Amino acid sequence: MKKNIGVYLGIAFGWTWACWIGAFVISLTRGSILSTSGTLFETLQNLGKDSGWIPGVFALGVYGPLLGYLFSHSHRKEFFPGKVSGFSIVLALCIPLIIMLPGIILSLATRVEMDKTKSFGAILLAILVYFISNVITSGTEEFGWRGALYTHLRQKEANFWSASWKGGLIWAVWHYPMMIMLYWEQSPFVMIPSLIGFTAGIVAMSYITNFVFERSQSIPLLAILHGLSNTAGFVLLLLFPLSPFMILSHLMAWAVVIYIEKKYKPVLQKVTD
């Protein structure tokens, strides 16, 4: 198992960082700006255009955890249970809303300027496309982070919390090249606090996602949770591009962690004994 997890991490980090950093460096040498915010469908649509292959290379980076899982686990566990509990489904659907809703409410209450250039139908279509794109890209990470890393840490670590924060820290560091690209032109005084806040948010989401995994054992459900979580943030910025309340999502994620820890700690302790 130790050898398997080493292979998994090597492939997950190696593939992703090679794609992300490679695409970024190529863009810099060409004097162009690498777009990291487009959906998979936009990337595929632009492949035939000049330099359109560069965002394509970047987009492939997200599949590092999936590839690491596929190549490091010869006897893979079945993560497609025939029946998932209604409680697990409610968790997956509601947690992203709970985390993002305060930011939307405060943006409305403080009259943050809304983007009124899009129709209601265009907004709904953009949200749907973004969600589907995230499920089939970022959602595939769950095979690796839950199917490989968390499964390993759950057996190795003393308790659920220890497995979750260590896995969350690794998950966050995996994202760092992309985060550095986003803040490339910012000062260290902006970049470093942003990385710290992002890391804290990912550790919280690691705990939450691990909890849903323990209740469901369903990777497809986690892919939906992952896609919804990313889409919730997208909705806030889509409606309120200048909203200062995005930071609340990290605080709300920790509020959910505290609630789960308080109410379900005895149950979580049993599944890790």
Protein backbone atom coordinates (compact mmCIF):
# COMPACT_ATOMS: atom_id res chain seq x y z
CA MET A 1 0.00 0.00 0.00
CA LYS A 2 2.86 2.42 0.83
CA LYS A 3 4.42 1.78 -2.58
CA ASN A 4 1.05 2.29 -4.26
CA ILE A 5 0.47 5.66 -2.58
CA GLY A 6 3.95 6.79 -3.58
CA VAL A 7 3.22 5.90 -7.20
CA TYR A 8 -0.14 7.63 -6.98
CA LEU A 9 1.32 10.89 -5.65
CA GLY A 10 4.19 10.81 -8.15
CA ILE A 11 1.81 10.49 -11.10
CA ALA A 12 -0.82 12.89 -9.72
CA PHE A 13 1.68 15.66 -9.04
CA GLY A 14 3.99 14.89 -11.96
CA TRP A 15 1.31 14.87 -14.65
CA THR A 16 -0.60 17.86 -13.31
CA TRP A 17 2.38 20.09 -12.63
CA ALA A 18 3.99 19.22 -15.97
CA CYS A 19 0.80 20.21 -17.83
CA TRP A 20 0.08 23.33 -15.81
CA ILE A 21 3.61 24.68 -15.54
CA GLY A 22 4.44 23.67 -19.11
CA ALA A 23 1.41 25.50 -20.53
CA PHE A 24 2.17 28.55 -18.40
CA VAL A 25 5.83 28.75 -19.42
CA ILE A 26 4.97 28.30 -23.11
CA SER A 27 2.43 31.12 -22.84
CA LEU A 28 5.00 33.40 -21.20
CA THR A 29 7.59 32.72 -23.91
CA ARG A 30 4.99 33.53 -26.56
CA GLY A 31 3.94 36.70 -24.80
CA SER A 32 0.35 35.52 -24.49
CA ILE A 33 -2.00 35.18 -21.53
CA LEU A 34 -2.99 31.66 -20.50
CA SER A 35 -6.69 31.39 -19.78
CA THR A 36 -7.35 29.11 -16.80
CA SER A 37 -11.02 29.91 -16.24
CA GLY A 38 -12.69 28.54 -19.37
CA THR A 39 -14.80 25.41 -19.36
CA LEU A 40 -13.68 22.19 -21.00
CA PHE A 41 -16.13 22.85 -23.85
CA GLU A 42 -14.59 26.25 -24.55
CA THR A 43 -11.13 24.71 -24.54
CA LEU A 44 -12.16 22.01 -27.01
CA GLN A 45 -13.85 24.59 -29.23
CA ASN A 46 -10.67 26.68 -29.40
CA LEU A 47 -8.22 23.84 -30.06
CA GLY A 48 -8.11 24.60 -33.80
CA LYS A 49 -7.29 28.25 -33.27
CA ASP A 50 -3.80 29.72 -33.09
CA SER A 51 -2.16 28.60 -29.80
CA GLY A 52 -5.45 26.98 -28.81
CA TRP A 53 -3.58 23.80 -27.95
CA ILE A 54 -1.85 25.52 -25.02
CA PRO A 55 -5.03 25.82 -22.89
CA GLY A 56 -5.69 22.25 -24.00
CA VAL A 57 -2.45 21.11 -22.36
CA PHE A 58 -3.38 23.05 -19.25
CA ALA A 59 -6.84 21.43 -19.18
CA LEU A 60 -5.30 17.95 -19.28
CA GLY A 61 -3.51 18.67 -16.02
CA VAL A 62 -6.64 18.15 -13.95
CA TYR A 63 -6.59 14.43 -14.75
CA GLY A 64 -3.39 13.79 -12.79
CA PRO A 65 -5.21 12.33 -9.73
CA LEU A 66 -7.36 10.08 -11.94
CA LEU A 67 -4.31 8.79 -13.83
CA GLY A 68 -2.44 8.28 -10.56
CA TYR A 69 -5.31 6.23 -9.22
CA LEU A 70 -5.63 4.10 -12.36
CA PHE A 71 -1.92 3.29 -12.56
CA SER A 72 -1.24 2.74 -8.85
CA HIS A 73 -4.12 0.46 -7.81
CA SER A 74 -4.17 -2.94 -9.47
CA HIS A 75 -6.96 -4.19 -7.19
CA ARG A 76 -9.32 -1.25 -7.14
CA LYS A 77 -12.22 -1.00 -4.74
CA GLU A 78 -15.71 -0.67 -6.16
CA PHE A 79 -16.79 2.95 -5.67
CA PHE A 80 -20.14 2.69 -7.44
CA PRO A 81 -22.55 1.32 -4.81
CA GLY A 82 -25.92 0.19 -6.07
CA LYS A 83 -27.77 2.39 -3.61
CA VAL A 84 -26.68 5.64 -2.00
CA SER A 85 -28.53 6.85 1.10
CA GLY A 86 -30.81 9.84 0.80
CA PHE A 87 -28.86 11.51 3.60
CA SER A 88 -25.64 11.36 1.57
CA ILE A 89 -27.38 12.84 -1.47
CA VAL A 90 -28.82 15.68 0.62
CA LEU A 91 -25.35 16.40 2.01
CA ALA A 92 -23.78 16.52 -1.45
CA LEU A 93 -26.48 18.82 -2.80
CA CYS A 94 -26.89 21.15 0.18
CA ILE A 95 -23.37 21.68 1.52
CA PRO A 96 -22.17 23.78 -1.49
CA LEU A 97 -25.29 25.94 -1.14
CA ILE A 98 -24.77 26.38 2.61
CA ILE A 99 -21.15 27.39 2.06
CA MET A 100 -21.83 29.96 -0.65
CA LEU A 101 -25.25 31.37 0.34
CA PRO A 102 -23.96 33.89 2.95
CA GLY A 103 -21.69 35.49 0.33
CA ILE A 104 -24.62 35.90 -2.08
CA ILE A 105 -26.93 37.25 0.65
CA LEU A 106 -24.35 39.77 1.86
CA SER A 107 -23.60 40.86 -1.70
CA LEU A 108 -27.31 41.58 -2.14
CA ALA A 109 -27.67 43.22 1.28
CA THR A 110 -24.71 45.55 0.77
CA ARG A 111 -25.79 46.30 -2.81
CA VAL A 112 -22.65 45.04 -4.50
CA GLU A 113 -23.02 45.88 -8.18
CA MET A 114 -24.53 43.01 -10.16
CA ASP A 115 -23.57 42.04 -13.70
CA LYS A 116 -26.69 43.01 -15.65
CA THR A 117 -25.27 42.34 -19.10
CA LYS A 118 -26.58 38.76 -19.21
CA SER A 119 -30.16 37.56 -19.46
CA PHE A 120 -31.63 35.13 -16.93
CA GLY A 121 -31.54 32.34 -19.54
CA ALA A 122 -27.90 33.05 -20.37
CA ILE A 123 -26.99 32.92 -16.69
CA LEU A 124 -28.73 29.56 -16.19
CA LEU A 125 -27.03 28.12 -19.28
CA ALA A 126 -23.62 29.35 -18.13
CA ILE A 127 -24.15 27.76 -14.70
CA LEU A 128 -25.26 24.44 -16.20
CA VAL A 129 -22.33 24.29 -18.64
CA TYR A 130 -19.86 25.20 -15.89
CA PHE A 131 -21.26 22.50 -13.60
CA ILE A 132 -21.13 19.75 -16.25
CA SER A 133 -17.61 20.77 -17.22
CA ASN A 134 -16.48 20.62 -13.58
CA VAL A 135 -18.01 17.20 -12.95
CA ILE A 136 -16.10 15.66 -15.89
CA THR A 137 -12.86 17.49 -15.09
CA SER A 138 -12.36 18.42 -11.42
CA GLY A 139 -14.87 15.76 -10.35
CA THR A 140 -12.50 13.02 -11.56
CA GLU A 141 -10.01 14.12 -8.90
CA GLU A 142 -12.14 12.24 -6.37
CA PHE A 143 -10.91 8.87 -7.64
CA GLY A 144 -7.46 9.93 -6.48
CA TRP A 145 -8.01 12.06 -3.40
CA ARG A 146 -10.68 9.83 -1.88
CA GLY A 147 -10.17 6.51 -3.67
CA ALA A 148 -6.40 6.45 -3.19
CA LEU A 149 -5.07 9.05 -0.73
CA TYR A 150 -7.84 9.19 1.86
CA THR A 151 -8.32 5.41 1.75
CA HIS A 152 -4.60 5.06 2.52
CA LEU A 153 -4.55 7.72 5.27
CA ARG A 154 -7.69 6.35 6.90
CA GLN A 155 -5.86 3.06 7.52
CA LYS A 156 -2.60 4.73 8.54
CA GLU A 157 -3.66 7.68 10.71
CA ALA A 158 -5.00 7.56 14.25
CA ASN A 159 -8.30 9.27 13.51
CA PHE A 160 -10.54 10.80 10.88
CA TRP A 161 -9.39 14.37 11.54
CA SER A 162 -5.71 13.47 11.12
CA ALA A 163 -6.39 11.70 7.81
CA SER A 164 -8.48 14.63 6.61
CA TRP A 165 -6.10 17.50 7.40
CA LYS A 166 -3.05 15.69 6.02
CA GLY A 167 -4.90 14.71 2.86
CA GLY A 168 -6.28 18.25 2.57
CA LEU A 169 -2.82 19.78 2.85
CA ILE A 170 -1.52 17.52 0.06
CA TRP A 171 -4.59 18.33 -2.03
CA ALA A 172 -3.99 22.05 -1.54
CA VAL A 173 -0.30 21.88 -2.48
CA TRP A 174 -1.26 20.02 -5.66
CA HIS A 175 -3.21 23.17 -6.66
CA TYR A 176 -0.36 25.60 -5.91
CA PRO A 177 1.01 26.02 -9.47
CA MET A 178 -2.43 27.08 -10.67
CA MET A 179 -2.90 29.44 -7.73
CA ILE A 180 0.51 31.02 -8.34
CA MET A 181 -0.44 31.55 -11.99
CA LEU A 182 -3.60 33.39 -10.90
CA TYR A 183 -1.61 35.72 -8.64
CA TRP A 184 1.53 35.85 -10.80
CA GLU A 185 1.44 39.63 -11.22
CA GLN A 186 0.47 40.33 -7.61
CA SER A 187 2.89 41.15 -4.81
CA PRO A 188 3.90 38.50 -2.26
CA PHE A 189 1.76 40.40 0.26
CA VAL A 190 -1.27 39.39 -1.81
CA MET A 191 -0.14 35.98 -3.04
CA ILE A 192 0.96 34.49 0.30
CA PRO A 193 -2.23 35.32 2.29
CA SER A 194 -4.25 34.07 -0.69
CA LEU A 195 -2.39 30.74 -0.65
CA ILE A 196 -2.89 30.44 3.12
CA GLY A 197 -6.62 31.15 2.85
CA PHE A 198 -6.95 28.75 -0.08
CA THR A 199 -5.11 26.01 1.84
CA ALA A 200 -7.38 26.45 4.86
CA GLY A 201 -10.44 26.19 2.61
CA ILE A 202 -9.16 23.03 0.92
CA VAL A 203 -8.42 21.35 4.27
CA ALA A 204 -12.00 22.08 5.33
CA MET A 205 -13.36 20.70 2.06
CA SER A 206 -11.16 17.62 2.49
CA TYR A 207 -12.84 16.95 5.83
CA ILE A 208 -16.34 17.53 4.41
CA THR A 209 -15.78 15.41 1.30
CA ASN A 210 -14.22 12.60 3.34
CA PHE A 211 -17.29 12.65 5.58
CA VAL A 212 -19.65 12.31 2.61
CA PHE A 213 -17.41 9.52 1.27
CA GLU A 214 -17.64 7.64 4.57
CA ARG A 215 -21.42 7.88 4.42
CA SER A 216 -21.82 6.95 0.75
CA GLN A 217 -18.68 5.21 -0.61
CA SER A 218 -19.76 6.74 -3.94
CA ILE A 219 -17.20 8.44 -6.16
CA PRO A 220 -19.89 9.68 -8.63
CA LEU A 221 -21.67 11.43 -5.75
CA LEU A 222 -18.39 13.05 -4.70
CA ALA A 223 -17.79 14.17 -8.30
CA ILE A 224 -21.17 15.93 -8.16
CA LEU A 225 -20.31 17.48 -4.78
CA HIS A 226 -16.98 18.66 -6.18
CA GLY A 227 -18.65 20.11 -9.27
CA LEU A 228 -21.34 21.85 -7.22
CA SER A 229 -18.77 23.34 -4.84
CA ASN A 230 -16.80 24.86 -7.71
CA THR A 231 -19.98 26.01 -9.42
CA ALA A 232 -21.23 27.72 -6.25
CA GLY A 233 -18.16 29.97 -6.28
CA PHE A 234 -18.63 30.56 -10.00
CA VAL A 235 -22.24 31.67 -9.42
CA LEU A 236 -21.19 34.27 -6.84
CA LEU A 237 -18.59 35.78 -9.18
CA LEU A 238 -20.93 35.50 -12.17
CA LEU A 239 -23.62 37.51 -10.41
CA PHE A 240 -21.33 39.82 -8.43
CA PRO A 241 -17.92 40.09 -10.16
CA LEU A 242 -16.69 42.65 -7.59
CA SER A 243 -18.04 40.90 -4.49
CA PRO A 244 -15.61 40.98 -1.52
CA PHE A 245 -17.45 38.13 0.20
CA MET A 246 -15.84 35.15 -1.52
CA ILE A 247 -13.70 34.71 1.59
CA LEU A 248 -16.86 33.77 3.50
CA SER A 249 -16.96 30.44 1.66
CA HIS A 250 -13.85 29.31 3.55
CA LEU A 251 -15.32 30.41 6.88
CA MET A 252 -18.60 28.65 6.15
CA ALA A 253 -16.74 25.48 5.16
CA TRP A 254 -15.09 25.51 8.59
CA ALA A 255 -18.46 26.11 10.22
CA VAL A 256 -19.70 22.93 8.51
CA VAL A 257 -16.58 21.09 9.72
CA ILE A 258 -17.20 22.19 13.31
CA TYR A 259 -20.83 21.04 13.09
CA ILE A 260 -19.89 17.63 11.67
CA GLU A 261 -17.10 17.20 14.21
CA LYS A 262 -19.44 17.99 17.08
CA LYS A 263 -22.38 15.86 15.95
CA TYR A 264 -20.73 12.90 14.22
CA LYS A 265 -17.35 12.50 15.93
CA PRO A 266 -18.34 9.23 17.69
CA VAL A 267 -19.45 7.77 14.34
CA LEU A 268 -16.29 8.93 12.57
CA GLN A 269 -14.18 7.47 15.35
CA LYS A 270 -15.82 4.06 14.83
CA VAL A 271 -15.17 3.96 11.06
CA THR A 272 -11.47 4.69 11.59
CA ASP A 273 -10.84 2.29 14.49
